[in-house]
Amino acid sequence: MASLTAFEEFSALFEQGGMSVTAEQYAAFEKYAALLCEWNERMNLTAITDPEGIALKHFYDSVYPFTLLPPAEGESLIDVGTGAGFPSIPMGIMHPDLKLTLLDSLNKRVNFLTAVMSEIGLDGECIHGRAEEQGRFIKSGNPMRESFGIATARAVANLRELCEYCLPFVKIGGRFYALKGRDGENELKDAKAAIKTLGGEVELCKPYALPGGDERVLIVVRKAKRTPEKYPRNAGQMKKAPL
């Protein structure tokens, strides 16, 4: 059984969002889908494994939000808590000029991501680590802190916590792209104080819908000034005293 819809159907889906997919890009998506399904039998990567679901809710849903505010060519992008590689790997397939860093706290997932990147010929770095540790301030210097043009997360965590995890990675003038569900606008209301504290300014809050009707919200935060040295805190501190 095919892991991904046929090229004509896949291409037509992306065209609904104003995106064009080449045969070479489709071949990379096809390999990715096959590896996702294969590895998913051995470890929990995703509950969505049908060809239509993978095409729409993993691949299209990873790439389309970035058409609303496109990244600069050659931009560095860190995907925080990337899981099975969303949105970074689909973005890398569609925009091979991006410099990708994929960060995840589970080593088994990092092994999967490394295998996918190798199989589809995508350059990038896959890092095993926790965001609150990799992004923290270190007096001797942290090459990951405030060094990326883009940080992104397609995570279920609340936006307030996501900002604390992600904004420390973003350089001044860069952006944090939060790919949220239908409650994104409400989360933004609760996160505004945190965004300001962490050195960010809301640049975009854009509701949209996937083909088929599922509601989404893209929130983009521009980094206006340095994140104070004490952030990010650990998860326990975030929960005990949210910003």
C-alpha atoms as a PDB file:
ATOM      1  CA  MET A   1       0.000   0.000   0.000  1.00  0.00           C
ATOM      2  CA  ALA A   2       1.275   3.470  -0.907  1.00  0.00           C
ATOM      3  CA  SER A   3       2.287   5.722   1.978  1.00  0.00           C
ATOM      4  CA  LEU A   4       1.449   8.910   0.082  1.00  0.00           C
ATOM      5  CA  THR A   5      -1.169  10.052  -2.411  1.00  0.00           C
ATOM      6  CA  ALA A   6      -0.259   9.955  -6.123  1.00  0.00           C
ATOM      7  CA  PHE A   7       1.708  12.857  -7.584  1.00  0.00           C
ATOM      8  CA  GLU A   8      -1.279  14.383  -9.383  1.00  0.00           C
ATOM      9  CA  GLU A   9      -3.404  14.414  -6.226  1.00  0.00           C
ATOM     10  CA  PHE A  10      -0.539  15.610  -4.038  1.00  0.00           C
ATOM     11  CA  SER A  11       0.356  18.394  -6.471  1.00  0.00           C
ATOM     12  CA  ALA A  12      -3.286  19.496  -6.737  1.00  0.00           C
ATOM     13  CA  LEU A  13      -3.500  19.702  -2.935  1.00  0.00           C
ATOM     14  CA  PHE A  14      -0.486  22.008  -2.722  1.00  0.00           C
ATOM     15  CA  GLU A  15      -1.791  24.119  -5.605  1.00  0.00           C
ATOM     16  CA  GLN A  16      -4.825  24.936  -3.437  1.00  0.00           C
ATOM     17  CA  GLY A  17      -2.390  26.824  -1.220  1.00  0.00           C
ATOM     18  CA  GLY A  18      -0.617  28.479  -4.134  1.00  0.00           C
ATOM     19  CA  MET A  19       2.366  26.111  -3.917  1.00  0.00           C
ATOM     20  CA  SER A  20       3.998  24.223  -6.760  1.00  0.00           C
ATOM     21  CA  VAL A  21       5.585  20.803  -6.200  1.00  0.00           C
ATOM     22  CA  THR A  22       8.148  19.359  -8.613  1.00  0.00           C
ATOM     23  CA  ALA A  23       8.486  15.655  -9.369  1.00  0.00           C
ATOM     24  CA  GLU A  24      11.811  15.676  -7.471  1.00  0.00           C
ATOM     25  CA  GLN A  25      10.215  17.224  -4.410  1.00  0.00           C
ATOM     26  CA  TYR A  26       7.353  14.742  -4.563  1.00  0.00           C
ATOM     27  CA  ALA A  27       9.854  11.863  -4.647  1.00  0.00           C
ATOM     28  CA  ALA A  28      11.419  13.214  -1.427  1.00  0.00           C
ATOM     29  CA  PHE A  29       8.007  13.520   0.237  1.00  0.00           C
ATOM     30  CA  GLU A  30       7.199   9.972  -0.891  1.00  0.00           C
ATOM     31  CA  LYS A  31      10.382   8.587   0.715  1.00  0.00           C
ATOM     32  CA  TYR A  32       9.666  10.569   3.870  1.00  0.00           C
ATOM     33  CA  ALA A  33       6.126   9.179   4.108  1.00  0.00           C
ATOM     34  CA  ALA A  34       7.365   5.616   3.617  1.00  0.00           C
ATOM     35  CA  LEU A  35       9.995   6.000   6.359  1.00  0.00           C
ATOM     36  CA  LEU A  36       7.437   7.613   8.671  1.00  0.00           C
ATOM     37  CA  CYS A  37       5.109   4.641   8.325  1.00  0.00           C
ATOM     38  CA  GLU A  38       7.933   2.099   8.579  1.00  0.00           C
ATOM     39  CA  TRP A  39       9.489   3.571  11.731  1.00  0.00           C
ATOM     40  CA  ASN A  40       6.062   4.231  13.238  1.00  0.00           C
ATOM     41  CA  GLU A  41       5.588   0.472  13.555  1.00  0.00           C
ATOM     42  CA  ARG A  42       8.536   0.381  15.966  1.00  0.00           C
ATOM     43  CA  MET A  43       8.064   3.661  17.838  1.00  0.00           C
ATOM     44  CA  ASN A  44       5.334   6.224  18.368  1.00  0.00           C
ATOM     45  CA  LEU A  45       5.871   8.990  15.802  1.00  0.00           C
ATOM     46  CA  THR A  46       2.365   9.844  14.634  1.00  0.00           C
ATOM     47  CA  ALA A  47      -1.259   8.759  14.835  1.00  0.00           C
ATOM     48  CA  ILE A  48      -1.787   9.921  11.238  1.00  0.00           C
ATOM     49  CA  THR A  49      -0.595   7.252   8.809  1.00  0.00           C
ATOM     50  CA  ASP A  50      -3.116   7.249   5.951  1.00  0.00           C
ATOM     51  CA  PRO A  51      -1.802   8.692   2.646  1.00  0.00           C
ATOM     52  CA  GLU A  52      -4.335  11.536   2.537  1.00  0.00           C
ATOM     53  CA  GLY A  53      -3.734  12.440   6.168  1.00  0.00           C
ATOM     54  CA  ILE A  54       0.045  12.498   5.742  1.00  0.00           C
ATOM     55  CA  ALA A  55      -0.252  14.684   2.633  1.00  0.00           C
ATOM     56  CA  LEU A  56      -2.607  17.199   4.233  1.00  0.00           C
ATOM     57  CA  LYS A  57      -2.029  17.214   7.984  1.00  0.00           C
ATOM     58  CA  HIS A  58       1.724  16.646   7.980  1.00  0.00           C
ATOM     59  CA  PHE A  59       3.160  17.932   4.721  1.00  0.00           C
ATOM     60  CA  TYR A  60       0.770  20.659   3.535  1.00  0.00           C
ATOM     61  CA  ASP A  61       0.171  21.810   7.115  1.00  0.00           C
ATOM     62  CA  SER A  62       3.929  22.163   7.671  1.00  0.00           C
ATOM     63  CA  VAL A  63       4.632  24.230   4.563  1.00  0.00           C
ATOM     64  CA  TYR A  64       1.571  26.392   3.919  1.00  0.00           C
ATOM     65  CA  PRO A  65       1.847  28.652   7.010  1.00  0.00           C
ATOM     66  CA  PHE A  66       5.245  29.892   5.822  1.00  0.00           C
ATOM     67  CA  THR A  67       3.683  31.185   2.603  1.00  0.00           C
ATOM     68  CA  LEU A  68       1.815  33.739   4.751  1.00  0.00           C
ATOM     69  CA  LEU A  69       5.127  35.338   5.774  1.00  0.00           C
ATOM     70  CA  PRO A  70       7.909  33.720   3.722  1.00  0.00           C
ATOM     71  CA  PRO A  71      11.403  33.275   5.194  1.00  0.00           C
ATOM     72  CA  ALA A  72      14.386  34.940   3.581  1.00  0.00           C
ATOM     73  CA  GLU A  73      16.442  32.823   1.198  1.00  0.00           C
ATOM     74  CA  GLY A  74      19.237  30.935   2.938  1.00  0.00           C
ATOM     75  CA  GLU A  75      17.784  31.609   6.397  1.00  0.00           C
ATOM     76  CA  SER A  76      18.814  29.479   9.391  1.00  0.00           C
ATOM     77  CA  LEU A  77      15.876  27.643  10.977  1.00  0.00           C
ATOM     78  CA  ILE A  78      15.676  25.684  14.219  1.00  0.00           C
ATOM     79  CA  ASP A  79      12.670  23.417  14.732  1.00  0.00           C
ATOM     80  CA  VAL A  80      12.154  23.131  18.494  1.00  0.00           C
ATOM     81  CA  GLY A  81      10.619  19.856  19.670  1.00  0.00           C
ATOM     82  CA  THR A  82      10.454  18.718  16.076  1.00  0.00           C
ATOM     83  CA  GLY A  83       9.058  15.241  16.810  1.00  0.00           C
ATOM     84  CA  ALA A  84       8.794  13.414  13.482  1.00  0.00           C
ATOM     85  CA  GLY A  85      10.264  16.393  11.625  1.00  0.00           C
ATOM     86  CA  PHE A  86       7.342  18.781  11.254  1.00  0.00           C
ATOM     87  CA  PRO A  87       7.507  21.466   9.971  1.00  0.00           C
ATOM     88  CA  SER A  88      11.255  21.520   9.291  1.00  0.00           C
ATOM     89  CA  ILE A  89      11.743  18.571   6.919  1.00  0.00           C
ATOM     90  CA  PRO A  90       8.824  19.482   4.620  1.00  0.00           C
ATOM     91  CA  MET A  91      10.154  23.059   4.627  1.00  0.00           C
ATOM     92  CA  GLY A  92      13.605  21.754   3.726  1.00  0.00           C
ATOM     93  CA  ILE A  93      12.170  19.769   0.814  1.00  0.00           C
ATOM     94  CA  MET A  94      10.328  22.812  -0.529  1.00  0.00           C
ATOM     95  CA  HIS A  95      13.119  25.292   0.331  1.00  0.00           C
ATOM     96  CA  PRO A  96      16.486  23.476   0.137  1.00  0.00           C
ATOM     97  CA  ASP A  97      18.316  26.791   0.656  1.00  0.00           C
ATOM     98  CA  LEU A  98      17.258  26.845   4.338  1.00  0.00           C
ATOM     99  CA  LYS A  99      19.886  25.905   6.915  1.00  0.00           C
ATOM    100  CA  LEU A 100      18.072  23.411   9.148  1.00  0.00           C
ATOM    101  CA  THR A 101      18.600  22.429  12.776  1.00  0.00           C
ATOM    102  CA  LEU A 102      16.188  19.878  14.249  1.00  0.00           C
ATOM    103  CA  LEU A 103      16.000  19.665  18.037  1.00  0.00           C
ATOM    104  CA  ASP A 104      14.212  16.928  19.966  1.00  0.00           C
ATOM    105  CA  SER A 105      14.451  15.541  23.494  1.00  0.00           C
ATOM    106  CA  LEU A 106      14.010  11.879  22.501  1.00  0.00           C
ATOM    107  CA  ASN A 107      17.056  10.171  21.008  1.00  0.00           C
ATOM    108  CA  LYS A 108      14.980   7.582  19.132  1.00  0.00           C
ATOM    109  CA  ARG A 109      13.251  10.366  17.240  1.00  0.00           C
ATOM    110  CA  VAL A 110      16.603  12.000  16.469  1.00  0.00           C
ATOM    111  CA  ASN A 111      17.761   8.686  14.973  1.00  0.00           C
ATOM    112  CA  PHE A 112      14.653   8.658  12.777  1.00  0.00           C
ATOM    113  CA  LEU A 113      15.206  12.258  11.691  1.00  0.00           C
ATOM    114  CA  THR A 114      18.835  11.533  10.832  1.00  0.00           C
ATOM    115  CA  ALA A 115      17.775   8.554   8.720  1.00  0.00           C
ATOM    116  CA  VAL A 116      15.154  10.618   6.861  1.00  0.00           C
ATOM    117  CA  MET A 117      17.550  13.481   6.158  1.00  0.00           C
ATOM    118  CA  SER A 118      20.135  11.039   4.830  1.00  0.00           C
ATOM    119  CA  GLU A 119      17.640   9.111   2.709  1.00  0.00           C
ATOM    120  CA  ILE A 120      16.182  12.160   0.985  1.00  0.00           C
ATOM    121  CA  GLY A 121      19.513  13.983   0.672  1.00  0.00           C
ATOM    122  CA  LEU A 122      18.641  16.934   2.898  1.00  0.00           C
ATOM    123  CA  ASP A 123      21.397  18.851   4.669  1.00  0.00           C
ATOM    124  CA  GLY A 124      20.928  19.810   8.290  1.00  0.00           C
ATOM    125  CA  GLU A 125      21.806  19.051  11.892  1.00  0.00           C
ATOM    126  CA  CYS A 126      19.747  16.800  14.160  1.00  0.00           C
ATOM    127  CA  ILE A 127      20.352  17.457  17.869  1.00  0.00           C
ATOM    128  CA  HIS A 128      19.287  15.402  20.864  1.00  0.00           C
ATOM    129  CA  GLY A 129      18.506  17.768  23.716  1.00  0.00           C
ATOM    130  CA  ARG A 130      15.935  19.734  25.671  1.00  0.00           C
ATOM    131  CA  ALA A 131      15.087  23.251  24.497  1.00  0.00           C
ATOM    132  CA  GLU A 132      15.468  24.812  27.939  1.00  0.00           C
ATOM    133  CA  GLU A 133      19.019  23.436  28.155  1.00  0.00           C
ATOM    134  CA  GLN A 134      20.155  24.033  24.580  1.00  0.00           C
ATOM    135  CA  GLY A 135      18.922  27.643  24.560  1.00  0.00           C
ATOM    136  CA  ARG A 136      20.111  28.815  27.969  1.00  0.00           C
ATOM    137  CA  PHE A 137      22.569  31.629  28.564  1.00  0.00           C
ATOM    138  CA  ILE A 138      26.133  30.496  29.306  1.00  0.00           C
ATOM    139  CA  LYS A 139      28.808  33.041  30.241  1.00  0.00           C
ATOM    140  CA  SER A 140      31.429  31.224  28.184  1.00  0.00           C
ATOM    141  CA  GLY A 141      29.107  31.404  25.200  1.00  0.00           C
ATOM    142  CA  ASN A 142      26.364  29.244  23.686  1.00  0.00           C
ATOM    143  CA  PRO A 143      26.546  28.985  19.872  1.00  0.00           C
ATOM    144  CA  MET A 144      22.836  28.136  19.685  1.00  0.00           C
ATOM    145  CA  ARG A 145      21.504  31.035  21.729  1.00  0.00           C
ATOM    146  CA  GLU A 146      20.199  33.996  19.707  1.00  0.00           C
ATOM    147  CA  SER A 147      21.819  32.634  16.553  1.00  0.00           C
ATOM    148  CA  PHE A 148      18.886  31.593  14.314  1.00  0.00           C
ATOM    149  CA  GLY A 149      16.887  33.673  11.875  1.00  0.00           C
ATOM    150  CA  ILE A 150      13.848  31.486  12.508  1.00  0.00           C
ATOM    151  CA  ALA A 151      12.683  29.288  15.356  1.00  0.00           C
ATOM    152  CA  THR A 152       9.536  27.274  14.807  1.00  0.00           C
ATOM    153  CA  ALA A 153       7.359  24.900  16.785  1.00  0.00           C
ATOM    154  CA  ARG A 154       4.339  22.873  15.805  1.00  0.00           C
ATOM    155  CA  ALA A 155       3.818  21.684  19.333  1.00  0.00           C
ATOM    156  CA  VAL A 156       0.838  21.196  21.619  1.00  0.00           C
ATOM    157  CA  ALA A 157       2.433  23.247  24.417  1.00  0.00           C
ATOM    158  CA  ASN A 158       0.779  26.520  25.339  1.00  0.00           C
ATOM    159  CA  LEU A 159       2.097  29.531  23.422  1.00  0.00           C
ATOM    160  CA  ARG A 160       3.345  31.179  26.626  1.00  0.00           C
ATOM    161  CA  GLU A 161       5.677  28.253  27.312  1.00  0.00           C
ATOM    162  CA  LEU A 162       6.571  27.845  23.634  1.00  0.00           C
ATOM    163  CA  CYS A 163       7.791  31.437  23.530  1.00  0.00           C
ATOM    164  CA  GLU A 164      10.068  30.809  26.508  1.00  0.00           C
ATOM    165  CA  TYR A 165      11.451  27.684  24.857  1.00  0.00           C
ATOM    166  CA  CYS A 166      11.888  29.217  21.401  1.00  0.00           C
ATOM    167  CA  LEU A 167      12.641  32.949  21.576  1.00  0.00           C
ATOM    168  CA  PRO A 168      16.055  32.454  23.257  1.00  0.00           C
ATOM    169  CA  PHE A 169      17.236  30.764  20.036  1.00  0.00           C
ATOM    170  CA  VAL A 170      16.221  33.695  17.803  1.00  0.00           C
ATOM    171  CA  LYS A 171      18.662  36.463  16.916  1.00  0.00           C
ATOM    172  CA  ILE A 172      17.537  40.091  17.035  1.00  0.00           C
ATOM    173  CA  GLY A 173      15.501  40.791  13.916  1.00  0.00           C
ATOM    174  CA  GLY A 174      14.637  37.102  13.511  1.00  0.00           C
ATOM    175  CA  ARG A 175      11.248  35.469  13.983  1.00  0.00           C
ATOM    176  CA  PHE A 176       9.509  32.752  15.940  1.00  0.00           C
ATOM    177  CA  TYR A 177       6.795  30.980  13.932  1.00  0.00           C
ATOM    178  CA  ALA A 178       4.227  29.233  16.142  1.00  0.00           C
ATOM    179  CA  LEU A 179       1.917  26.879  14.211  1.00  0.00           C
ATOM    180  CA  LYS A 180      -1.172  26.644  16.368  1.00  0.00           C
ATOM    181  CA  GLY A 181      -4.653  25.166  16.274  1.00  0.00           C
ATOM    182  CA  ARG A 182      -7.922  27.060  16.422  1.00  0.00           C
ATOM    183  CA  ASP A 183      -7.258  28.317  19.986  1.00  0.00           C
ATOM    184  CA  GLY A 184      -4.122  30.167  18.909  1.00  0.00           C
ATOM    185  CA  GLU A 185      -5.691  33.619  19.151  1.00  0.00           C
ATOM    186  CA  ASN A 186      -6.811  32.988  22.730  1.00  0.00           C
ATOM    187  CA  GLU A 187      -3.368  31.650  23.629  1.00  0.00           C
ATOM    188  CA  LEU A 188      -1.824  34.811  22.208  1.00  0.00           C
ATOM    189  CA  LYS A 189      -3.876  36.988  24.581  1.00  0.00           C
ATOM    190  CA  ASP A 190      -2.408  35.074  27.525  1.00  0.00           C
ATOM    191  CA  ALA A 191       1.125  35.121  26.075  1.00  0.00           C
ATOM    192  CA  LYS A 192       1.557  38.845  25.374  1.00  0.00           C
ATOM    193  CA  ALA A 193       3.301  39.603  28.676  1.00  0.00           C
ATOM    194  CA  ALA A 194       5.659  36.665  28.157  1.00  0.00           C
ATOM    195  CA  ILE A 195       6.467  37.765  24.612  1.00  0.00           C
ATOM    196  CA  LYS A 196       7.406  41.254  25.813  1.00  0.00           C
ATOM    197  CA  THR A 197       9.489  39.915  28.712  1.00  0.00           C
ATOM    198  CA  LEU A 198      11.403  37.597  26.362  1.00  0.00           C
ATOM    199  CA  GLY A 199      12.238  40.385  23.900  1.00  0.00           C
ATOM    200  CA  GLY A 200       9.602  39.737  21.268  1.00  0.00           C
ATOM    201  CA  GLU A 201       6.942  41.726  19.436  1.00  0.00           C
ATOM    202  CA  VAL A 202       3.905  40.162  17.759  1.00  0.00           C
ATOM    203  CA  GLU A 203       4.262  40.636  14.007  1.00  0.00           C
ATOM    204  CA  LEU A 204       1.419  38.472  12.701  1.00  0.00           C
ATOM    205  CA  CYS A 205      -1.599  36.552  13.962  1.00  0.00           C
ATOM    206  CA  LYS A 206      -3.286  34.946  10.976  1.00  0.00           C
ATOM    207  CA  PRO A 207      -6.193  32.484  11.173  1.00  0.00           C
ATOM    208  CA  TYR A 208      -6.566  30.189   8.168  1.00  0.00           C
ATOM    209  CA  ALA A 209      -8.065  26.846   7.256  1.00  0.00           C
ATOM    210  CA  LEU A 210      -6.639  23.726   5.683  1.00  0.00           C
ATOM    211  CA  PRO A 211      -8.347  22.285   2.613  1.00  0.00           C
ATOM    212  CA  GLY A 212     -11.146  20.324   4.245  1.00  0.00           C
ATOM    213  CA  GLY A 213     -11.840  22.995   6.838  1.00  0.00           C
ATOM    214  CA  ASP A 214      -9.579  22.356   9.852  1.00  0.00           C
ATOM    215  CA  GLU A 215      -8.883  25.701  11.523  1.00  0.00           C
ATOM    216  CA  ARG A 216      -5.347  26.885  12.204  1.00  0.00           C
ATOM    217  CA  VAL A 217      -3.612  30.051  13.411  1.00  0.00           C
ATOM    218  CA  LEU A 218      -0.127  31.220  12.500  1.00  0.00           C
ATOM    219  CA  ILE A 219       1.493  33.465  15.105  1.00  0.00           C
ATOM    220  CA  VAL A 220       4.770  35.162  14.215  1.00  0.00           C
ATOM    221  CA  VAL A 221       6.832  36.944  16.870  1.00  0.00           C
ATOM    222  CA  ARG A 222       9.718  39.156  15.816  1.00  0.00           C
ATOM    223  CA  LYS A 223      12.748  39.329  18.128  1.00  0.00           C
ATOM    224  CA  ALA A 224      13.176  43.016  18.998  1.00  0.00           C
ATOM    225  CA  LYS A 225      15.731  42.795  21.804  1.00  0.00           C
ATOM    226  CA  ARG A 226      17.843  40.263  23.647  1.00  0.00           C
ATOM    227  CA  THR A 227      16.174  37.696  25.876  1.00  0.00           C
ATOM    228  CA  PRO A 228      17.121  38.229  29.545  1.00  0.00           C
ATOM    229  CA  GLU A 229      19.833  35.828  30.685  1.00  0.00           C
ATOM    230  CA  LYS A 230      17.629  33.927  33.162  1.00  0.00           C
ATOM    231  CA  TYR A 231      15.390  32.574  30.368  1.00  0.00           C
ATOM    232  CA  PRO A 232      14.567  29.877  29.459  1.00  0.00           C
ATOM    233  CA  ARG A 233      13.838  28.394  32.849  1.00  0.00           C
ATOM    234  CA  ASN A 234      13.218  24.684  33.394  1.00  0.00           C
ATOM    235  CA  ALA A 235       9.774  23.212  32.822  1.00  0.00           C
ATOM    236  CA  GLY A 236       8.976  23.064  36.526  1.00  0.00           C
ATOM    237  CA  GLN A 237       9.701  26.767  36.999  1.00  0.00           C
ATOM    238  CA  MET A 238       7.607  27.635  33.936  1.00  0.00           C
ATOM    239  CA  LYS A 239       4.664  25.720  35.350  1.00  0.00           C
ATOM    240  CA  LYS A 240       5.044  27.118  38.876  1.00  0.00           C
ATOM    241  CA  ALA A 241       5.469  30.758  37.809  1.00  0.00           C
ATOM    242  CA  PRO A 242       4.259  31.277  34.222  1.00  0.00           C
ATOM    243  CA  LEU A 243       5.257  34.536  32.585  1.00  0.00           C
END
